[in-house]
C-alpha atoms as a PDB file:
ATOM      1  CA  MET A   1     -30.780  37.185 -28.980  1.00  0.00           C
ATOM      2  CA  SER A   2     -33.885  35.054 -28.528  1.00  0.00           C
ATOM      3  CA  THR A   3     -34.292  32.536 -25.741  1.00  0.00           C
ATOM      4  CA  LYS A   4     -34.430  29.699 -28.282  1.00  0.00           C
ATOM      5  CA  ILE A   5     -31.089  30.691 -29.832  1.00  0.00           C
ATOM      6  CA  ARG A   6     -29.445  31.033 -26.405  1.00  0.00           C
ATOM      7  CA  LEU A   7     -30.598  27.512 -25.514  1.00  0.00           C
ATOM      8  CA  LEU A   8     -29.204  26.124 -28.758  1.00  0.00           C
ATOM      9  CA  LEU A   9     -25.827  27.709 -27.992  1.00  0.00           C
ATOM     10  CA  ILE A  10     -25.735  26.685 -24.338  1.00  0.00           C
ATOM     11  CA  LEU A  11     -26.895  23.071 -24.783  1.00  0.00           C
ATOM     12  CA  PRO A  12     -23.761  21.789 -26.634  1.00  0.00           C
ATOM     13  CA  LEU A  13     -21.520  23.419 -24.003  1.00  0.00           C
ATOM     14  CA  ALA A  14     -23.493  21.818 -21.169  1.00  0.00           C
ATOM     15  CA  LEU A  15     -23.303  18.408 -22.818  1.00  0.00           C
ATOM     16  CA  ALA A  16     -19.551  18.775 -23.327  1.00  0.00           C
ATOM     17  CA  LEU A  17     -19.021  19.712 -19.687  1.00  0.00           C
ATOM     18  CA  ALA A  18     -21.200  16.815 -18.535  1.00  0.00           C
ATOM     19  CA  GLY A  19     -19.227  14.413 -20.708  1.00  0.00           C
ATOM     20  CA  ALA A  20     -15.930  15.675 -19.329  1.00  0.00           C
ATOM     21  CA  GLY A  21     -17.259  15.344 -15.802  1.00  0.00           C
ATOM     22  CA  PHE A  22     -18.365  11.751 -16.389  1.00  0.00           C
ATOM     23  CA  ALA A  23     -14.980  10.877 -17.900  1.00  0.00           C
ATOM     24  CA  ALA A  24     -13.195  12.294 -14.863  1.00  0.00           C
ATOM     25  CA  TRP A  25     -15.518  10.404 -12.507  1.00  0.00           C
ATOM     26  CA  HIS A  26     -15.068   7.139 -14.403  1.00  0.00           C
ATOM     27  CA  ALA A  27     -11.273   7.487 -14.325  1.00  0.00           C
ATOM     28  CA  VAL A  28     -11.170   7.399 -10.544  1.00  0.00           C
ATOM     29  CA  GLN A  29     -13.599   4.499 -10.113  1.00  0.00           C
ATOM     30  CA  PRO A  30     -12.189   1.034  -9.286  1.00  0.00           C
ATOM     31  CA  GLN A  31     -12.134  -1.015 -12.468  1.00  0.00           C
ATOM     32  CA  LYS A  32     -14.010  -4.285 -12.639  1.00  0.00           C
ATOM     33  CA  PRO A  33     -11.507  -7.149 -12.187  1.00  0.00           C
ATOM     34  CA  ASP A  34     -10.809  -9.487 -15.082  1.00  0.00           C
ATOM     35  CA  SER A  35     -10.726 -12.514 -12.767  1.00  0.00           C
ATOM     36  CA  ILE A  36     -12.561 -13.693  -9.664  1.00  0.00           C
ATOM     37  CA  VAL A  37      -9.881 -12.179  -7.415  1.00  0.00           C
ATOM     38  CA  SER A  38     -11.349  -8.930  -6.163  1.00  0.00           C
ATOM     39  CA  SER A  39      -9.536  -5.672  -6.853  1.00  0.00           C
ATOM     40  CA  GLU A  40     -11.342  -4.003  -3.957  1.00  0.00           C
ATOM     41  CA  THR A  41      -9.093  -2.328  -1.419  1.00  0.00           C
ATOM     42  CA  ARG A  42      -9.457  -0.744   1.936  1.00  0.00           C
ATOM     43  CA  SER A  43      -8.642   2.944   2.263  1.00  0.00           C
ATOM     44  CA  SER A  44      -5.113   1.899   3.226  1.00  0.00           C
ATOM     45  CA  GLY A  45      -4.697   0.097  -0.114  1.00  0.00           C
ATOM     46  CA  THR A  46      -4.714  -3.397   1.444  1.00  0.00           C
ATOM     47  CA  ALA A  47      -6.459  -6.044  -0.656  1.00  0.00           C
ATOM     48  CA  LEU A  48      -9.709  -7.379   0.784  1.00  0.00           C
ATOM     49  CA  ILE A  49      -8.521 -10.978   1.001  1.00  0.00           C
ATOM     50  CA  GLY A  50      -8.875 -13.246   4.012  1.00  0.00           C
ATOM     51  CA  GLY A  51     -11.317 -13.435   6.877  1.00  0.00           C
ATOM     52  CA  PRO A  52     -13.150 -15.746   9.264  1.00  0.00           C
ATOM     53  CA  PHE A  53     -13.605 -19.435   8.525  1.00  0.00           C
ATOM     54  CA  THR A  54     -14.481 -22.627  10.377  1.00  0.00           C
ATOM     55  CA  LEU A  55     -13.030 -25.831   8.939  1.00  0.00           C
ATOM     56  CA  THR A  56     -11.602 -29.205   9.995  1.00  0.00           C
ATOM     57  CA  ASP A  57      -7.993 -30.303   9.549  1.00  0.00           C
ATOM     58  CA  GLN A  58      -6.549 -33.626   8.387  1.00  0.00           C
ATOM     59  CA  ASN A  59      -6.506 -34.855  11.994  1.00  0.00           C
ATOM     60  CA  GLY A  60     -10.171 -34.133  12.585  1.00  0.00           C
ATOM     61  CA  GLN A  61      -9.518 -31.008  14.672  1.00  0.00           C
ATOM     62  CA  ALA A  62     -11.686 -27.915  14.328  1.00  0.00           C
ATOM     63  CA  ARG A  63      -9.734 -24.988  12.902  1.00  0.00           C
ATOM     64  CA  SER A  64     -10.431 -21.318  12.294  1.00  0.00           C
ATOM     65  CA  GLU A  65      -8.611 -18.201  11.145  1.00  0.00           C
ATOM     66  CA  ALA A  66      -7.332 -17.894  14.724  1.00  0.00           C
ATOM     67  CA  ASP A  67      -5.066 -20.891  14.096  1.00  0.00           C
ATOM     68  CA  LEU A  68      -3.219 -18.909  11.434  1.00  0.00           C
ATOM     69  CA  GLN A  69      -2.517 -15.996  13.743  1.00  0.00           C
ATOM     70  CA  GLY A  70       1.165 -15.712  14.586  1.00  0.00           C
ATOM     71  CA  HIS A  71       2.261 -17.457  11.374  1.00  0.00           C
ATOM     72  CA  TYR A  72       3.030 -16.322   7.874  1.00  0.00           C
ATOM     73  CA  SER A  73       0.612 -18.494   5.903  1.00  0.00           C
ATOM     74  CA  LEU A  74       0.883 -19.680   2.314  1.00  0.00           C
ATOM     75  CA  ILE A  75      -2.700 -20.585   1.429  1.00  0.00           C
ATOM     76  CA  TYR A  76      -3.800 -22.553  -1.616  1.00  0.00           C
ATOM     77  CA  PHE A  77      -7.337 -23.692  -2.539  1.00  0.00           C
ATOM     78  CA  GLY A  78      -7.605 -26.871  -4.607  1.00  0.00           C
ATOM     79  CA  TYR A  79      -8.696 -30.494  -4.372  1.00  0.00           C
ATOM     80  CA  THR A  80      -7.083 -33.908  -4.051  1.00  0.00           C
ATOM     81  CA  PHE A  81      -8.534 -35.302  -7.291  1.00  0.00           C
ATOM     82  CA  CYS A  82      -6.938 -32.447  -9.261  1.00  0.00           C
ATOM     83  CA  PRO A  83      -4.878 -34.081 -12.027  1.00  0.00           C
ATOM     84  CA  ASP A  84      -2.084 -31.541 -12.419  1.00  0.00           C
ATOM     85  CA  ILE A  85      -2.332 -27.897 -11.329  1.00  0.00           C
ATOM     86  CA  CYS A  86      -3.005 -28.542  -7.634  1.00  0.00           C
ATOM     87  CA  PRO A  87      -0.202 -31.042  -6.961  1.00  0.00           C
ATOM     88  CA  THR A  88       2.191 -28.912  -8.989  1.00  0.00           C
ATOM     89  CA  SER A  89       1.282 -25.747  -7.066  1.00  0.00           C
ATOM     90  CA  LEU A  90       1.512 -27.475  -3.690  1.00  0.00           C
ATOM     91  CA  SER A  91       4.869 -29.006  -4.595  1.00  0.00           C
ATOM     92  CA  THR A  92       6.187 -25.626  -5.728  1.00  0.00           C
ATOM     93  CA  MET A  93       4.906 -24.012  -2.545  1.00  0.00           C
ATOM     94  CA  SER A  94       6.598 -26.665  -0.391  1.00  0.00           C
ATOM     95  CA  GLN A  95       9.831 -26.460  -2.368  1.00  0.00           C
ATOM     96  CA  GLY A  96       9.825 -22.677  -1.977  1.00  0.00           C
ATOM     97  CA  ILE A  97       9.693 -23.008   1.802  1.00  0.00           C
ATOM     98  CA  ASP A  98      12.444 -25.633   1.774  1.00  0.00           C
ATOM     99  CA  LEU A  99      14.590 -23.495  -0.518  1.00  0.00           C
ATOM    100  CA  LEU A 100      14.238 -20.551   1.851  1.00  0.00           C
ATOM    101  CA  ALA A 101      15.192 -22.819   4.767  1.00  0.00           C
ATOM    102  CA  GLU A 102      18.600 -23.440   3.201  1.00  0.00           C
ATOM    103  CA  SER A 103      19.643 -19.818   3.654  1.00  0.00           C
ATOM    104  CA  GLN A 104      17.080 -18.378   6.072  1.00  0.00           C
ATOM    105  CA  PRO A 105      15.920 -21.160   8.410  1.00  0.00           C
ATOM    106  CA  ALA A 106      14.398 -18.754  10.928  1.00  0.00           C
ATOM    107  CA  LYS A 107      12.180 -17.242   8.242  1.00  0.00           C
ATOM    108  CA  ALA A 108      11.151 -20.589   6.784  1.00  0.00           C
ATOM    109  CA  ALA A 109      10.246 -21.895  10.241  1.00  0.00           C
ATOM    110  CA  VAL A 110       7.471 -19.333  10.693  1.00  0.00           C
ATOM    111  CA  VAL A 111       5.800 -20.033   7.323  1.00  0.00           C
ATOM    112  CA  LEU A 112       2.790 -22.347   7.477  1.00  0.00           C
ATOM    113  CA  PRO A 113       1.662 -24.027   4.233  1.00  0.00           C
ATOM    114  CA  VAL A 114      -2.138 -24.347   4.119  1.00  0.00           C
ATOM    115  CA  PHE A 115      -4.269 -26.346   1.690  1.00  0.00           C
ATOM    116  CA  ILE A 116      -8.049 -25.768   1.650  1.00  0.00           C
ATOM    117  CA  THR A 117     -10.212 -28.053  -0.446  1.00  0.00           C
ATOM    118  CA  VAL A 118     -12.886 -26.810  -2.826  1.00  0.00           C
ATOM    119  CA  ASP A 119     -14.255 -30.354  -3.118  1.00  0.00           C
ATOM    120  CA  PRO A 120     -15.578 -31.257   0.350  1.00  0.00           C
ATOM    121  CA  GLU A 121     -17.793 -33.947  -1.169  1.00  0.00           C
ATOM    122  CA  ARG A 122     -14.783 -36.174  -1.807  1.00  0.00           C
ATOM    123  CA  ASP A 123     -12.053 -34.569   0.300  1.00  0.00           C
ATOM    124  CA  THR A 124     -12.761 -36.085   3.675  1.00  0.00           C
ATOM    125  CA  VAL A 125     -10.486 -35.798   6.704  1.00  0.00           C
ATOM    126  CA  GLU A 126      -8.959 -39.162   5.820  1.00  0.00           C
ATOM    127  CA  ALA A 127      -8.388 -38.187   2.198  1.00  0.00           C
ATOM    128  CA  LEU A 128      -6.642 -34.981   3.240  1.00  0.00           C
ATOM    129  CA  ALA A 129      -4.454 -36.806   5.770  1.00  0.00           C
ATOM    130  CA  SER A 130      -3.111 -39.045   3.015  1.00  0.00           C
ATOM    131  CA  TYR A 131      -2.790 -36.248   0.479  1.00  0.00           C
ATOM    132  CA  ALA A 132      -1.008 -33.698   2.681  1.00  0.00           C
ATOM    133  CA  GLY A 133       1.662 -36.260   3.506  1.00  0.00           C
ATOM    134  CA  HIS A 134       2.946 -36.052  -0.074  1.00  0.00           C
ATOM    135  CA  PHE A 135       3.945 -32.420   0.359  1.00  0.00           C
ATOM    136  CA  HIS A 136       5.287 -30.418   3.296  1.00  0.00           C
ATOM    137  CA  PRO A 137       5.502 -31.984   6.798  1.00  0.00           C
ATOM    138  CA  ARG A 138       3.964 -28.848   8.335  1.00  0.00           C
ATOM    139  CA  MET A 139       1.140 -28.597   5.828  1.00  0.00           C
ATOM    140  CA  LEU A 140      -2.275 -27.842   7.318  1.00  0.00           C
ATOM    141  CA  ALA A 141      -5.000 -29.387   5.140  1.00  0.00           C
ATOM    142  CA  LEU A 142      -8.577 -28.235   5.688  1.00  0.00           C
ATOM    143  CA  THR A 143     -12.039 -29.424   4.694  1.00  0.00           C
ATOM    144  CA  GLY A 144     -15.566 -28.910   5.987  1.00  0.00           C
ATOM    145  CA  THR A 145     -19.188 -28.832   4.973  1.00  0.00           C
ATOM    146  CA  ALA A 146     -20.127 -27.362   1.616  1.00  0.00           C
ATOM    147  CA  ALA A 147     -21.270 -24.184   3.372  1.00  0.00           C
ATOM    148  CA  GLU A 148     -18.066 -23.891   5.414  1.00  0.00           C
ATOM    149  CA  VAL A 149     -15.857 -24.318   2.355  1.00  0.00           C
ATOM    150  CA  ALA A 150     -17.948 -21.789   0.430  1.00  0.00           C
ATOM    151  CA  ALA A 151     -17.526 -19.252   3.245  1.00  0.00           C
ATOM    152  CA  ALA A 152     -13.753 -19.731   3.300  1.00  0.00           C
ATOM    153  CA  ALA A 153     -13.516 -19.434  -0.490  1.00  0.00           C
ATOM    154  CA  LYS A 154     -15.587 -16.256  -0.409  1.00  0.00           C
ATOM    155  CA  ALA A 155     -13.311 -14.732   2.235  1.00  0.00           C
ATOM    156  CA  TYR A 156     -10.291 -15.355  -0.007  1.00  0.00           C
ATOM    157  CA  ARG A 157     -12.054 -14.370  -3.242  1.00  0.00           C
ATOM    158  CA  ILE A 158     -11.650 -17.859  -4.685  1.00  0.00           C
ATOM    159  CA  TYR A 159     -13.768 -19.080  -7.579  1.00  0.00           C
ATOM    160  CA  TYR A 160     -14.670 -22.767  -7.897  1.00  0.00           C
ATOM    161  CA  GLN A 161     -17.293 -24.823  -9.691  1.00  0.00           C
ATOM    162  CA  LYS A 162     -17.994 -28.489 -10.328  1.00  0.00           C
ATOM    163  CA  VAL A 163     -17.531 -29.506 -13.967  1.00  0.00           C
ATOM    164  CA  THR A 164     -19.011 -32.728 -15.337  1.00  0.00           C
ATOM    165  CA  GLU A 165     -18.304 -33.777 -18.892  1.00  0.00           C
ATOM    166  CA  PRO A 166     -21.124 -35.450 -20.882  1.00  0.00           C
ATOM    167  CA  GLY A 167     -21.013 -39.194 -20.361  1.00  0.00           C
ATOM    168  CA  ALA A 168     -18.408 -38.969 -17.580  1.00  0.00           C
ATOM    169  CA  THR A 169     -18.865 -40.903 -14.363  1.00  0.00           C
ATOM    170  CA  ASP A 170     -16.761 -38.477 -12.315  1.00  0.00           C
ATOM    171  CA  TYR A 171     -16.204 -34.733 -12.204  1.00  0.00           C
ATOM    172  CA  LEU A 172     -13.487 -32.116 -12.018  1.00  0.00           C
ATOM    173  CA  MET A 173     -13.404 -28.805 -10.167  1.00  0.00           C
ATOM    174  CA  ASP A 174     -12.745 -25.584 -12.040  1.00  0.00           C
ATOM    175  CA  HIS A 175     -11.084 -23.181  -9.585  1.00  0.00           C
ATOM    176  CA  SER A 176      -8.723 -20.257  -9.060  1.00  0.00           C
ATOM    177  CA  SER A 177      -5.065 -21.248  -8.788  1.00  0.00           C
ATOM    178  CA  ILE A 178      -3.475 -18.684  -6.485  1.00  0.00           C
ATOM    179  CA  ILE A 179      -1.095 -18.995  -3.532  1.00  0.00           C
ATOM    180  CA  TYR A 180      -1.731 -16.247  -1.006  1.00  0.00           C
ATOM    181  CA  LEU A 181       0.875 -15.059   1.469  1.00  0.00           C
ATOM    182  CA  MET A 182      -0.860 -13.802   4.602  1.00  0.00           C
ATOM    183  CA  ALA A 183       0.794 -11.953   7.493  1.00  0.00           C
ATOM    184  CA  PRO A 184       0.734 -13.121  11.133  1.00  0.00           C
ATOM    185  CA  ASP A 185      -2.161 -10.726  11.804  1.00  0.00           C
ATOM    186  CA  GLY A 186      -4.194 -12.214   8.946  1.00  0.00           C
ATOM    187  CA  THR A 187      -3.711  -9.444   6.414  1.00  0.00           C
ATOM    188  CA  TYR A 188      -2.816 -10.047   2.779  1.00  0.00           C
ATOM    189  CA  LEU A 189       0.833  -9.508   1.809  1.00  0.00           C
ATOM    190  CA  ALA A 190       1.300 -10.953  -1.677  1.00  0.00           C
ATOM    191  CA  HIS A 191       0.301 -13.772  -3.974  1.00  0.00           C
ATOM    192  CA  PHE A 192       1.895 -16.212  -6.393  1.00  0.00           C
ATOM    193  CA  THR A 193       0.365 -17.928  -9.414  1.00  0.00           C
ATOM    194  CA  HIS A 194       0.722 -21.349 -11.028  1.00  0.00           C
ATOM    195  CA  ALA A 195       3.459 -19.769 -13.169  1.00  0.00           C
ATOM    196  CA  SER A 196       5.578 -18.906 -10.103  1.00  0.00           C
ATOM    197  CA  THR A 197       8.626 -21.048  -9.401  1.00  0.00           C
ATOM    198  CA  ALA A 198       9.961 -22.298  -6.077  1.00  0.00           C
ATOM    199  CA  GLY A 199      12.656 -19.654  -6.443  1.00  0.00           C
ATOM    200  CA  ASP A 200      10.024 -16.940  -6.878  1.00  0.00           C
ATOM    201  CA  ILE A 201       8.293 -18.050  -3.703  1.00  0.00           C
ATOM    202  CA  ALA A 202      11.537 -18.300  -1.733  1.00  0.00           C
ATOM    203  CA  THR A 203      12.542 -14.821  -2.879  1.00  0.00           C
ATOM    204  CA  GLY A 204       9.143 -13.373  -2.007  1.00  0.00           C
ATOM    205  CA  LEU A 205       9.176 -14.960   1.430  1.00  0.00           C
ATOM    206  CA  ASN A 206      12.709 -13.746   2.086  1.00  0.00           C
ATOM    207  CA  GLU A 207      11.637 -10.190   1.291  1.00  0.00           C
ATOM    208  CA  LEU A 208       8.397 -10.181   3.269  1.00  0.00           C
ATOM    209  CA  VAL A 209       8.784 -12.541   6.229  1.00  0.00           C
ATOM    210  CA  ASP A 210       9.978 -11.099   9.542  1.00  0.00           C
ATOM    211  CA  PRO A 211      10.391 -13.803  12.215  1.00  0.00           C
ATOM    212  CA  ALA A 212      10.185 -11.147  14.922  1.00  0.00           C
ATOM    213  CA  LEU A 213       6.503 -10.613  14.039  1.00  0.00           C
ATOM    214  CA  ALA A 214       5.595 -14.289  14.318  1.00  0.00           C
ATOM    215  CA  ALA A 215       4.351 -15.986  17.482  1.00  0.00           C
ATOM    216  CA  GLY A 216       7.040 -17.362  19.782  1.00  0.00           C
ATOM    217  CA  SER A 217       9.801 -15.218  18.309  1.00  0.00           C
END
């Protein structure tokens, strides 16, 4: 058999094996997420959500991720000028905590609701102080410089962007609408969406919150 004929016979087999190898490799690669929320995970399988931030609360006090340590935190990114999704999500989040308190007060007591603005241009300390008062009495509302807010949003894999309609004198903010549940050590536990109900949140908290792991317990 000539060398040319052997090559013609071997080449299709080599291509088939290469194709099978690529298919196997592709199958085990992490798929590109459909949304801005990253699907990346650590080797343990924990989602890469959360991290350092430096912001200012509704009382003008400097805050960082260290202030969330020892609490189970429900964290939502939005803005005070949001016409519907943000107030609805924050109300649902607050109602979920209150619903849990009816049957599991010890668990509800260690959950801290947190609101982080994606619109620092308008959401001043004073604006957040007024806004947070409409929701949960323990709510921690946070703002900062544009760079500080961007860093916090990046840590939590939150998308946001200013949207100005032609001829409009004001603007809206397009943003992710996700409520994250973070553990007392700052790791991600679960998340809820704008479709979640107060009952869904209460049930999730009841399943995942352990007061013994929170500070002061």
